[in-house]
Amino acid sequence: MTYTTPTTPLPAEDSTPSKDRTTDIPAAAAPARRPPRPGWLLAIVLTGQLMAVLDVLIVNVAAPTMRADLHASGGGLQLVIAGYTIAYAVLLITGARLGALLGHRRMFLSGLVGFTAASLACGLATGTGQLIAFRFIQGAASAMMLPQVLTLIQRTYTGSSRARALGAYSAVLASGAAAGLVVGGVLVEADLMGTGWRPVFLVNVPIGLVLLVLGPRLMGSAEQSSGPATGLRGGLDLPGLLLLASAVLLFTVPMVLGQERDWPLWGWVMLGLSAVLTALFAVYETRLARRGGRPLISPRVVRAPGMAVAVIRIVLAMAANGGFLFATTLHMQGGLGYSAMRAGLTFVPCAVAFGVLGLNWQRLPVRRQPAVVPAGFALAAVSFLGIGLGLRNGGDGGPWLYVALAGVGAGLSLAYGPVLTRTLATVRQQDAADASGVLVTAAQLGLLSGVAVFGTVFLNAAEGGAPGARASADALWVTCVALAAAAACGTLLSLVRRLRHLR
């Protein structure tokens, strides 16, 4: 497998000699650096990625058992589920920049320590307040860990090996949501030794400990960072951090809690303020870059070829993914009366298809690859309609349901994976951390938006119909039509972009 050890020089602003830098230490005294073992590095970072992604949805399946055991209120349960996502989304960009400042390997392992410890604390929590606090910590640790994954892949692999590694990353990121429903359903249904919901958190502990033993030995130590001379104050762009974190927080909270609270006025006010702060953040970062400062997100990354279109595509694909899983799970458990385990296992074809296509789309002839993204969105649109029609009469859809579920997984994989790979290929290596933070944040906000928007469509349609499985099925049909329309927008966007290139 072809790989490369990072050798890109530090940015110009980091090149000033300093007595605090290792460059001033005599060669004989410098610590020996170990190159990473690429296969092991990929396995370690993707396993950490999978654990963190699973925890976004795995708790949803355990929510009823958790509520009964902890006597949690509705609002408390919402914060248990949403606290992780809020902290994760708000701190993702910060985690990416800290990786650039302090070292990506170091930040990945530090985040893994925090995530593993918080998972143990969640599994041992005795009250709702404790669980909420530990979930926020767990989300913050994920935000420190996950942005490093893409950057480590970019700096370790090159050529076709990088494409395969990014395909594996894409498969883990998006199929992990479906896998979370499967794993959560199995663990809750098993009720291991009467522990109920606790294994959905405790399962992370032994996996995390194994990764922490292997990581320092197999991930190498030859990594770049801005070093202690730059310092957090000089390199973190605190005003930009405050603006961006506030904008993401104001967007995330109503997206997560708005539906449950019937979209109150404060939610719309927060969304409006989020848009204002996002604009202020863009203006501030541009001016800071012109003055020769170090913005939180380099304008070079935002202006990179295809970056804006890539963000839109990623948001569309992940919104469709999140909204589909949310609405279909509600229908299966609420309308069809499936157990948590049966509902989770139903999504196996979707997760498998996403993973297989994510790993193999690059095997297509190069001349065919530009058509992959629009074809993926189109396949997803047709599959959404197929699922809606198959379940519309209140039945279980028969074997064709699984074919359509595989179509959704395959379509969204083709719509997402190539976009990620090609976009990162256009970004300079020293901008890898910023690009990783932007794209991972886009994917996360897409998932949140999908659950909020398509969840609202489903719940409003279900409330307007007659009670029972038929009303739920009709609501799912309406939601699937909306999902198909969103996927069709992705197809049109891709086709318009191709036509412009042909001109």
Protein backbone atom coordinates (compact mmCIF):
# COMPACT_ATOMS: atom_id res chain seq x y z
CA MET A 1 0.00 0.00 0.00
CA THR A 2 1.45 3.36 -1.01
CA TYR A 3 1.82 5.96 1.69
CA THR A 4 3.80 9.00 2.56
CA THR A 5 5.06 10.47 5.79
CA PRO A 6 4.17 14.17 6.11
CA THR A 7 7.01 16.37 4.95
CA THR A 8 5.16 19.57 4.07
CA PRO A 9 6.97 22.61 5.50
CA LEU A 10 5.32 24.71 8.13
CA PRO A 11 3.35 27.76 6.95
CA ALA A 12 5.35 30.96 6.59
CA GLU A 13 4.01 32.44 9.78
CA ASP A 14 5.41 29.48 11.74
CA SER A 15 8.92 29.61 10.29
CA THR A 16 10.43 32.13 12.71
CA PRO A 17 13.10 30.48 14.86
CA SER A 18 12.33 30.22 18.53
CA LYS A 19 14.14 28.85 21.51
CA ASP A 20 11.05 26.81 22.33
CA ARG A 21 11.11 24.85 19.07
CA THR A 22 12.63 21.44 18.61
CA THR A 23 14.54 22.83 15.59
CA ASP A 24 16.93 24.52 18.04
CA ILE A 25 17.72 21.24 19.80
CA PRO A 26 20.87 19.49 18.60
CA ALA A 27 20.19 16.52 16.37
CA ALA A 28 21.71 14.10 18.85
CA ALA A 29 19.32 15.25 21.56
CA ALA A 30 16.17 15.21 19.40
CA PRO A 31 13.85 12.32 20.19
CA ALA A 32 13.65 9.55 17.59
CA ARG A 33 10.59 9.80 15.39
CA ARG A 34 8.66 6.75 14.31
CA PRO A 35 6.86 6.72 10.97
CA PRO A 36 3.23 5.62 11.14
CA ARG A 37 2.19 2.14 10.11
CA PRO A 38 -0.46 3.12 7.58
CA GLY A 39 -2.69 0.05 7.83
CA TRP A 40 -2.77 0.14 11.60
CA LEU A 41 -3.20 3.90 11.69
CA LEU A 42 -6.26 3.66 9.43
CA ALA A 43 -7.77 0.86 11.53
CA ILE A 44 -7.24 2.80 14.77
CA VAL A 45 -8.61 6.15 13.63
CA LEU A 46 -11.60 4.62 11.83
CA THR A 47 -12.49 2.50 14.88
CA GLY A 48 -12.41 5.66 16.98
CA GLN A 49 -14.50 7.39 14.32
CA LEU A 50 -17.04 4.55 14.36
CA MET A 51 -17.41 4.66 18.15
CA ALA A 52 -18.09 8.38 18.10
CA VAL A 53 -20.54 8.21 15.18
CA LEU A 54 -22.42 5.32 16.76
CA ASP A 55 -23.04 7.41 19.85
CA VAL A 56 -25.01 9.99 17.85
CA LEU A 57 -27.95 7.61 17.33
CA ILE A 58 -27.31 4.60 19.56
CA VAL A 59 -28.86 6.41 22.54
CA ASN A 60 -32.13 7.02 20.67
CA VAL A 61 -32.91 3.31 20.70
CA ALA A 62 -32.16 3.09 24.43
CA ALA A 63 -34.19 6.20 25.32
CA PRO A 64 -37.40 4.46 26.53
CA THR A 65 -35.45 2.11 28.84
CA MET A 66 -33.30 4.99 30.06
CA ARG A 67 -36.32 7.14 30.85
CA ALA A 68 -37.97 4.40 32.91
CA ASP A 69 -34.80 3.53 34.83
CA LEU A 70 -33.72 7.10 35.65
CA HIS A 71 -37.26 8.56 35.93
CA ALA A 72 -36.10 11.24 33.52
CA SER A 73 -38.39 14.05 32.41
CA GLY A 74 -39.00 14.66 28.72
CA GLY A 75 -36.69 17.68 28.77
CA GLY A 76 -34.01 15.76 30.64
CA LEU A 77 -34.12 12.91 28.14
CA GLN A 78 -33.87 15.40 25.27
CA LEU A 79 -30.70 16.85 26.79
CA VAL A 80 -29.23 13.36 27.27
CA ILE A 81 -29.73 12.69 23.57
CA ALA A 82 -28.95 16.19 22.30
CA GLY A 83 -26.12 17.16 24.67
CA TYR A 84 -23.61 15.00 22.82
CA THR A 85 -24.60 16.40 19.43
CA ILE A 86 -24.59 20.02 20.58
CA ALA A 87 -21.10 19.84 22.13
CA TYR A 88 -19.80 17.83 19.17
CA ALA A 89 -21.09 20.24 16.51
CA VAL A 90 -20.05 23.40 18.33
CA LEU A 91 -16.44 22.31 18.94
CA LEU A 92 -15.58 20.48 15.69
CA ILE A 93 -13.78 23.39 14.01
CA THR A 94 -11.93 24.14 17.25
CA GLY A 95 -10.81 20.52 17.43
CA ALA A 96 -9.45 20.75 13.90
CA ARG A 97 -7.41 23.85 14.70
CA LEU A 98 -6.09 22.40 17.97
CA GLY A 99 -4.86 19.43 15.97
CA ALA A 100 -2.91 21.77 13.69
CA LEU A 101 -1.47 23.59 16.72
CA LEU A 102 -0.67 20.69 19.02
CA GLY A 103 -0.37 17.71 16.65
CA HIS A 104 -3.11 15.61 15.07
CA ARG A 105 -1.97 12.31 16.55
CA ARG A 106 -1.71 13.86 20.01
CA MET A 107 -5.17 15.42 19.77
CA PHE A 108 -6.73 12.20 18.47
CA LEU A 109 -5.37 10.19 21.38
CA SER A 110 -6.28 12.91 23.90
CA GLY A 111 -9.82 13.02 22.55
CA LEU A 112 -9.98 9.22 22.71
CA VAL A 113 -8.97 9.31 26.39
CA GLY A 114 -11.75 11.80 27.13
CA PHE A 115 -14.31 9.88 25.08
CA THR A 116 -13.50 6.55 26.75
CA ALA A 117 -13.59 8.04 30.24
CA ALA A 118 -16.87 9.88 29.53
CA SER A 119 -18.41 6.67 28.13
CA LEU A 120 -17.53 4.87 31.36
CA ALA A 121 -19.02 7.72 33.40
CA CYS A 122 -22.21 7.67 31.28
CA GLY A 123 -22.57 3.93 31.79
CA LEU A 124 -22.21 4.30 35.56
CA ALA A 125 -24.39 7.44 35.95
CA THR A 126 -27.01 7.24 38.68
CA GLY A 127 -29.12 10.26 37.72
CA THR A 128 -30.27 12.30 34.76
CA GLY A 129 -28.15 15.32 35.69
CA GLN A 130 -24.97 13.25 35.79
CA LEU A 131 -25.77 11.61 32.47
CA ILE A 132 -26.42 14.97 30.78
CA ALA A 133 -23.08 16.36 32.02
CA PHE A 134 -21.15 13.28 30.92
CA ARG A 135 -22.82 13.33 27.50
CA PHE A 136 -21.66 16.91 26.94
CA ILE A 137 -18.13 15.85 27.88
CA GLN A 138 -18.39 12.86 25.56
CA GLY A 139 -19.44 15.12 22.68
CA ALA A 140 -16.62 17.58 23.38
CA ALA A 141 -14.09 14.72 23.38
CA SER A 142 -15.46 13.50 20.03
CA ALA A 143 -14.98 16.99 18.61
CA MET A 144 -11.32 16.89 19.63
CA MET A 145 -10.83 13.40 18.18
CA LEU A 146 -12.77 13.22 14.91
CA PRO A 147 -11.38 16.20 12.90
CA GLN A 148 -7.95 14.59 13.18
CA VAL A 149 -9.07 11.46 11.31
CA LEU A 150 -9.34 13.08 7.88
CA THR A 151 -6.11 15.01 8.34
CA LEU A 152 -4.16 11.94 9.44
CA ILE A 153 -5.47 10.05 6.40
CA GLN A 154 -4.47 12.88 4.06
CA ARG A 155 -0.99 13.13 5.54
CA THR A 156 -0.35 9.38 5.61
CA TYR A 157 -1.71 8.19 2.26
CA THR A 158 -1.31 9.34 -1.30
CA GLY A 159 -2.69 8.46 -4.73
CA SER A 160 -5.07 5.50 -5.05
CA SER A 161 -4.34 4.43 -1.47
CA ARG A 162 -5.65 7.78 -0.22
CA ALA A 163 -8.83 7.34 -2.29
CA ARG A 164 -9.42 3.91 -0.75
CA ALA A 165 -8.74 5.22 2.75
CA LEU A 166 -11.14 8.14 2.23
CA GLY A 167 -13.71 5.67 0.88
CA ALA A 168 -13.42 3.69 4.10
CA TYR A 169 -13.78 6.92 6.08
CA SER A 170 -16.94 7.86 4.15
CA ALA A 171 -18.40 4.42 4.72
CA VAL A 172 -17.79 4.59 8.45
CA LEU A 173 -19.13 8.14 8.80
CA ALA A 174 -22.49 7.61 7.12
CA SER A 175 -23.17 3.90 7.63
CA GLY A 176 -22.28 4.38 11.29
CA ALA A 177 -25.63 6.12 11.81
CA ALA A 178 -27.53 3.03 10.65
CA ALA A 179 -25.11 0.80 12.54
CA GLY A 180 -25.88 2.78 15.68
CA LEU A 181 -29.53 1.78 15.42
CA VAL A 182 -28.56 -1.86 14.89
CA VAL A 183 -26.05 -2.03 17.76
CA GLY A 184 -28.29 -0.06 20.09
CA GLY A 185 -31.25 -2.32 19.37
CA VAL A 186 -29.23 -5.49 19.97
CA LEU A 187 -27.66 -4.26 23.22
CA VAL A 188 -30.92 -2.96 24.71
CA GLU A 189 -32.82 -6.10 23.70
CA ALA A 190 -30.11 -8.36 25.20
CA ASP A 191 -30.33 -6.57 28.60
CA LEU A 192 -26.93 -7.98 29.59
CA MET A 193 -26.98 -9.01 33.25
CA GLY A 194 -29.94 -6.73 33.81
CA THR A 195 -27.96 -3.61 32.90
CA GLY A 196 -30.64 -2.30 30.52
CA TRP A 197 -29.40 0.79 28.65
CA ARG A 198 -25.92 1.00 30.19
CA PRO A 199 -24.08 -1.24 27.67
CA VAL A 200 -24.73 1.30 24.89
CA PHE A 201 -22.10 3.42 26.67
CA LEU A 202 -19.96 0.78 28.36
CA VAL A 203 -19.25 -1.03 25.08
CA ASN A 204 -16.95 1.88 24.18
CA VAL A 205 -14.67 1.32 27.18
CA PRO A 206 -12.83 -1.90 26.23
CA ILE A 207 -12.57 -0.76 22.60
CA GLY A 208 -11.19 2.61 23.65
CA LEU A 209 -8.63 1.01 25.99
CA VAL A 210 -7.36 -1.28 23.22
CA LEU A 211 -6.98 1.71 20.88
CA LEU A 212 -5.12 3.66 23.57
CA VAL A 213 -2.66 0.78 23.99
CA LEU A 214 -2.09 0.36 20.25
CA GLY A 215 -2.24 4.01 19.18
CA PRO A 216 1.00 5.38 20.67
CA ARG A 217 2.92 2.41 19.26
CA LEU A 218 1.44 2.12 15.77
CA MET A 219 0.34 5.63 14.77
CA GLY A 220 3.91 6.95 14.62
CA SER A 221 5.27 10.14 16.11
CA ALA A 222 6.42 12.06 13.03
CA GLU A 223 3.73 14.69 12.99
CA GLN A 224 3.78 18.43 12.49
CA SER A 225 2.28 21.07 14.70
CA SER A 226 2.65 24.77 15.18
CA GLY A 227 4.58 23.97 18.32
CA PRO A 228 4.66 25.66 21.70
CA ALA A 229 6.15 28.87 20.32
CA THR A 230 2.99 29.80 18.50
CA GLY A 231 0.91 29.02 21.54
CA LEU A 232 -2.84 28.77 21.81
CA ARG A 233 -3.32 32.52 22.05
CA GLY A 234 -1.31 33.16 18.89
CA GLY A 235 -2.71 30.34 16.82
CA LEU A 236 -6.28 29.67 17.90
CA ASP A 237 -7.97 32.93 16.79
CA LEU A 238 -10.09 33.32 19.91
CA PRO A 239 -12.47 36.00 18.50
CA GLY A 240 -13.14 33.79 15.46
CA LEU A 241 -13.62 30.80 17.72
CA LEU A 242 -16.16 32.68 19.84
CA LEU A 243 -18.11 33.88 16.78
CA LEU A 244 -18.17 30.46 15.10
CA ALA A 245 -18.97 28.49 18.25
CA SER A 246 -21.83 30.89 19.04
CA ALA A 247 -23.19 30.65 15.48
CA VAL A 248 -23.09 26.84 15.51
CA LEU A 249 -24.63 26.68 18.99
CA LEU A 250 -27.46 29.01 17.98
CA PHE A 251 -28.10 26.81 14.94
CA THR A 252 -27.76 23.46 16.69
CA VAL A 253 -30.01 23.99 19.71
CA PRO A 254 -33.22 24.79 17.78
CA MET A 255 -32.41 22.06 15.23
CA VAL A 256 -32.16 19.50 18.03
CA LEU A 257 -34.91 20.71 20.37
CA GLY A 258 -37.25 22.69 18.11
CA GLN A 259 -39.46 19.82 16.94
CA GLU A 260 -40.07 18.45 20.43
CA ARG A 261 -41.09 21.93 21.62
CA ASP A 262 -43.30 22.71 18.60
CA TRP A 263 -40.86 25.23 17.11
CA PRO A 264 -41.17 28.06 19.65
CA LEU A 265 -40.35 31.69 18.86
CA TRP A 266 -36.99 31.50 20.65
CA GLY A 267 -35.92 28.80 18.19
CA TRP A 268 -36.51 31.04 15.17
CA VAL A 269 -34.77 33.94 16.93
CA MET A 270 -31.74 31.72 17.55
CA LEU A 271 -31.64 30.63 13.90
CA GLY A 272 -31.74 34.27 12.79
CA LEU A 273 -28.93 35.21 15.17
CA SER A 274 -26.93 32.24 13.91
CA ALA A 275 -27.12 33.59 10.35
CA VAL A 276 -26.00 37.04 11.54
CA LEU A 277 -23.03 35.65 13.49
CA THR A 278 -22.03 33.45 10.55
CA ALA A 279 -21.86 36.54 8.33
CA LEU A 280 -19.85 38.41 10.98
CA PHE A 281 -17.51 35.44 11.27
CA ALA A 282 -16.90 35.44 7.50
CA VAL A 283 -16.13 39.19 7.48
CA TYR A 284 -13.83 38.95 10.50
CA GLU A 285 -11.88 35.96 9.12
CA THR A 286 -11.38 37.65 5.75
CA ARG A 287 -10.05 40.83 7.35
CA LEU A 288 -7.81 38.86 9.71
CA ALA A 289 -6.27 36.98 6.77
CA ARG A 290 -5.64 40.25 4.90
CA ARG A 291 -3.79 41.61 7.94
CA GLY A 292 -1.52 38.57 7.89
CA GLY A 293 -3.17 36.89 10.88
CA ARG A 294 -4.11 33.24 11.30
CA PRO A 295 -7.88 32.88 10.88
CA LEU A 296 -9.72 29.91 12.35
CA ILE A 297 -10.70 28.86 8.81
CA SER A 298 -8.35 29.98 6.10
CA PRO A 299 -10.10 31.81 3.22
CA ARG A 300 -7.97 29.61 0.94
CA VAL A 301 -10.01 26.63 2.10
CA VAL A 302 -13.35 28.31 1.50
CA ARG A 303 -12.24 29.45 -1.97
CA ALA A 304 -10.72 26.08 -2.92
CA PRO A 305 -12.12 24.78 -6.24
CA GLY A 306 -15.47 23.11 -5.68
CA MET A 307 -15.50 23.60 -1.89
CA ALA A 308 -18.79 25.54 -1.76
CA VAL A 309 -20.57 23.04 -4.03
CA ALA A 310 -19.08 20.16 -2.03
CA VAL A 311 -20.47 21.56 1.21
CA ILE A 312 -23.95 21.82 -0.33
CA ARG A 313 -23.77 18.25 -1.65
CA ILE A 314 -22.55 16.90 1.68
CA VAL A 315 -25.32 18.72 3.56
CA LEU A 316 -27.94 17.36 1.13
CA ALA A 317 -26.65 13.78 1.35
CA MET A 318 -26.31 13.76 5.13
CA ALA A 319 -29.65 15.55 5.64
CA ALA A 320 -31.37 12.88 3.55
CA ASN A 321 -29.52 10.17 5.49
CA GLY A 322 -30.40 11.55 8.92
CA GLY A 323 -34.00 12.40 8.06
CA PHE A 324 -34.62 9.01 6.46
CA LEU A 325 -33.25 7.02 9.43
CA PHE A 326 -35.20 9.15 11.91
CA ALA A 327 -38.58 8.97 10.16
CA THR A 328 -38.32 5.31 9.16
CA THR A 329 -37.30 4.26 12.67
CA LEU A 330 -40.29 6.09 14.14
CA HIS A 331 -42.61 4.36 11.67
CA MET A 332 -41.19 0.90 12.32
CA GLN A 333 -41.28 1.15 16.10
CA GLY A 334 -44.38 3.34 16.46
CA GLY A 335 -46.48 2.41 13.42
CA LEU A 336 -45.49 -1.21 12.81
CA GLY A 337 -44.71 -2.08 16.43
CA TYR A 338 -41.22 -3.46 15.77
CA SER A 339 -38.90 -4.07 18.70
CA ALA A 340 -35.75 -1.95 18.96
CA MET A 341 -33.65 -4.86 17.71
CA ARG A 342 -35.87 -5.69 14.73
CA ALA A 343 -36.07 -2.04 13.71
CA GLY A 344 -32.28 -1.74 13.93
CA LEU A 345 -31.59 -4.93 11.98
CA THR A 346 -33.90 -3.78 9.19
CA PHE A 347 -31.33 -1.13 8.26
CA VAL A 348 -28.50 -3.64 7.73
CA PRO A 349 -28.85 -3.60 3.89
CA CYS A 350 -28.60 0.19 3.93
CA ALA A 351 -25.45 0.20 6.06
CA VAL A 352 -23.80 -2.64 4.11
CA ALA A 353 -24.53 -1.06 0.71
CA PHE A 354 -23.15 2.28 1.87
CA GLY A 355 -19.96 0.64 3.09
CA VAL A 356 -19.40 -1.53 0.01
CA LEU A 357 -19.95 1.31 -2.48
CA GLY A 358 -17.88 3.71 -0.38
CA LEU A 359 -14.92 1.36 -0.66
CA ASN A 360 -15.28 0.47 -4.34
CA TRP A 361 -16.63 3.42 -6.36
CA GLN A 362 -13.10 4.43 -7.37
CA ARG A 363 -12.72 1.11 -9.23
CA LEU A 364 -14.94 2.53 -11.96
CA PRO A 365 -13.17 3.78 -15.11
CA VAL A 366 -11.93 7.33 -14.65
CA ARG A 367 -14.07 8.62 -17.51
CA ARG A 368 -17.19 7.32 -15.74
CA GLN A 369 -16.46 8.76 -12.31
CA PRO A 370 -17.80 12.30 -12.95
CA ALA A 371 -21.26 10.74 -13.38
CA VAL A 372 -21.10 8.91 -10.04
CA VAL A 373 -22.40 11.74 -7.83
CA PRO A 374 -25.52 12.66 -9.88
CA ALA A 375 -26.23 8.95 -10.38
CA GLY A 376 -25.98 8.41 -6.63
CA PHE A 377 -28.45 11.17 -5.83
CA ALA A 378 -30.81 9.84 -8.54
CA LEU A 379 -30.62 6.28 -7.17
CA ALA A 380 -31.34 7.56 -3.67
CA ALA A 381 -34.37 9.52 -4.94
CA VAL A 382 -35.85 6.46 -6.68
CA SER A 383 -35.15 4.28 -3.62
CA PHE A 384 -36.84 6.74 -1.25
CA LEU A 385 -39.96 6.61 -3.41
CA GLY A 386 -39.76 2.81 -3.49
CA ILE A 387 -39.67 2.60 0.30
CA GLY A 388 -42.55 5.03 0.65
CA LEU A 389 -44.68 3.05 -1.83
CA GLY A 390 -43.74 -0.30 -0.27
CA LEU A 391 -44.79 0.78 3.23
CA ARG A 392 -47.67 3.04 2.23
CA ASN A 393 -50.44 0.48 2.87
CA GLY A 394 -49.29 -0.18 6.45
CA GLY A 395 -47.52 -3.43 5.58
CA ASP A 396 -43.90 -4.43 6.06
CA GLY A 397 -42.89 -3.94 2.43
CA GLY A 398 -41.81 -7.54 1.84
CA PRO A 399 -38.43 -8.39 0.28
CA TRP A 400 -38.56 -5.32 -1.98
CA LEU A 401 -38.15 -3.14 1.09
CA TYR A 402 -34.65 -4.52 1.60
CA VAL A 403 -33.80 -3.92 -2.05
CA ALA A 404 -34.92 -0.29 -1.70
CA LEU A 405 -32.99 0.09 1.56
CA ALA A 406 -29.86 -1.15 -0.20
CA GLY A 407 -30.58 1.37 -2.95
CA VAL A 408 -30.70 4.21 -0.42
CA GLY A 409 -27.37 3.14 1.08
CA ALA A 410 -25.73 2.75 -2.32
CA GLY A 411 -27.11 6.03 -3.66
CA LEU A 412 -26.10 8.13 -0.68
CA SER A 413 -22.66 6.51 -0.64
CA LEU A 414 -22.09 7.47 -4.29
CA ALA A 415 -23.43 10.96 -3.60
CA TYR A 416 -21.14 11.52 -0.62
CA GLY A 417 -17.87 9.57 -0.92
CA PRO A 418 -16.59 10.92 -4.27
CA VAL A 419 -17.41 14.50 -3.23
CA LEU A 420 -15.32 14.16 -0.07
CA THR A 421 -12.38 12.51 -1.85
CA ARG A 422 -12.20 14.96 -4.75
CA THR A 423 -12.64 18.04 -2.59
CA LEU A 424 -9.82 17.08 -0.24
CA ALA A 425 -7.61 16.35 -3.24
CA THR A 426 -7.81 20.03 -4.22
CA VAL A 427 -6.80 21.36 -0.80
CA ARG A 428 -3.17 22.06 0.04
CA GLN A 429 -1.72 19.75 2.66
CA GLN A 430 -1.14 22.55 5.16
CA ASP A 431 -4.85 23.38 4.91
CA ALA A 432 -5.89 19.80 5.57
CA ALA A 433 -6.98 20.48 9.17
CA ASP A 434 -9.19 23.43 8.20
CA ALA A 435 -10.74 21.52 5.28
CA SER A 436 -11.38 18.50 7.49
CA GLY A 437 -13.11 20.65 10.08
CA VAL A 438 -15.30 22.36 7.47
CA LEU A 439 -16.40 19.14 5.76
CA VAL A 440 -17.02 17.18 8.97
CA THR A 441 -19.00 20.11 10.39
CA ALA A 442 -21.03 20.30 7.16
CA ALA A 443 -21.83 16.59 7.47
CA GLN A 444 -22.85 16.96 11.11
CA LEU A 445 -25.03 20.01 10.50
CA GLY A 446 -26.57 18.19 7.54
CA LEU A 447 -27.56 15.28 9.79
CA LEU A 448 -29.05 17.68 12.34
CA SER A 449 -30.96 19.60 9.68
CA GLY A 450 -32.28 16.40 8.13
CA VAL A 451 -33.64 15.11 11.42
CA ALA A 452 -35.23 18.48 12.16
CA VAL A 453 -36.73 19.16 8.71
CA PHE A 454 -37.82 15.69 7.63
CA GLY A 455 -38.72 14.73 11.20
CA THR A 456 -41.09 17.70 11.27
CA VAL A 457 -42.61 16.61 7.95
CA PHE A 458 -43.20 13.08 9.26
CA LEU A 459 -44.58 14.05 12.68
CA ASN A 460 -46.87 16.75 11.32
CA ALA A 461 -48.24 14.39 8.66
CA ALA A 462 -48.77 11.64 11.24
CA GLU A 463 -50.65 13.99 13.59
CA GLY A 464 -52.98 15.07 10.79
CA GLY A 465 -54.14 11.54 9.94
CA ALA A 466 -56.20 8.87 11.64
CA PRO A 467 -54.46 7.01 14.49
CA GLY A 468 -52.72 3.70 13.82
CA ALA A 469 -50.24 2.14 11.44
CA ARG A 470 -51.97 3.54 8.34
CA ALA A 471 -51.50 7.16 9.44
CA SER A 472 -47.85 6.48 10.20
CA ALA A 473 -47.42 4.83 6.79
CA ASP A 474 -49.06 7.77 5.02
CA ALA A 475 -46.78 10.16 6.92
CA LEU A 476 -43.75 8.13 5.89
CA TRP A 477 -44.89 8.33 2.24
CA VAL A 478 -45.07 12.13 2.44
CA THR A 479 -41.62 12.18 4.05
CA CYS A 480 -40.17 9.89 1.38
CA VAL A 481 -41.49 12.21 -1.34
CA ALA A 482 -39.74 15.12 0.41
CA LEU A 483 -36.54 13.07 0.71
CA ALA A 484 -36.71 12.18 -2.98
CA ALA A 485 -37.10 15.88 -3.83
CA ALA A 486 -33.99 16.71 -1.78
CA ALA A 487 -32.01 13.98 -3.54
CA ALA A 488 -33.26 15.23 -6.91
CA CYS A 489 -31.87 18.67 -6.02
CA GLY A 490 -28.50 17.02 -5.53
CA THR A 491 -28.77 15.45 -8.98
CA LEU A 492 -29.67 18.76 -10.60
CA LEU A 493 -26.84 20.57 -8.82
CA SER A 494 -24.36 17.98 -10.06
CA LEU A 495 -25.65 18.11 -13.63
CA VAL A 496 -25.56 21.92 -13.74
CA ARG A 497 -21.96 21.86 -12.50
CA ARG A 498 -20.99 19.32 -15.18
CA LEU A 499 -22.60 21.40 -17.92
CA ARG A 500 -20.63 24.47 -16.80
CA HIS A 501 -17.41 22.47 -16.98
CA LEU A 502 -18.25 21.25 -20.48
CA ARG A 503 -18.64 24.86 -21.63
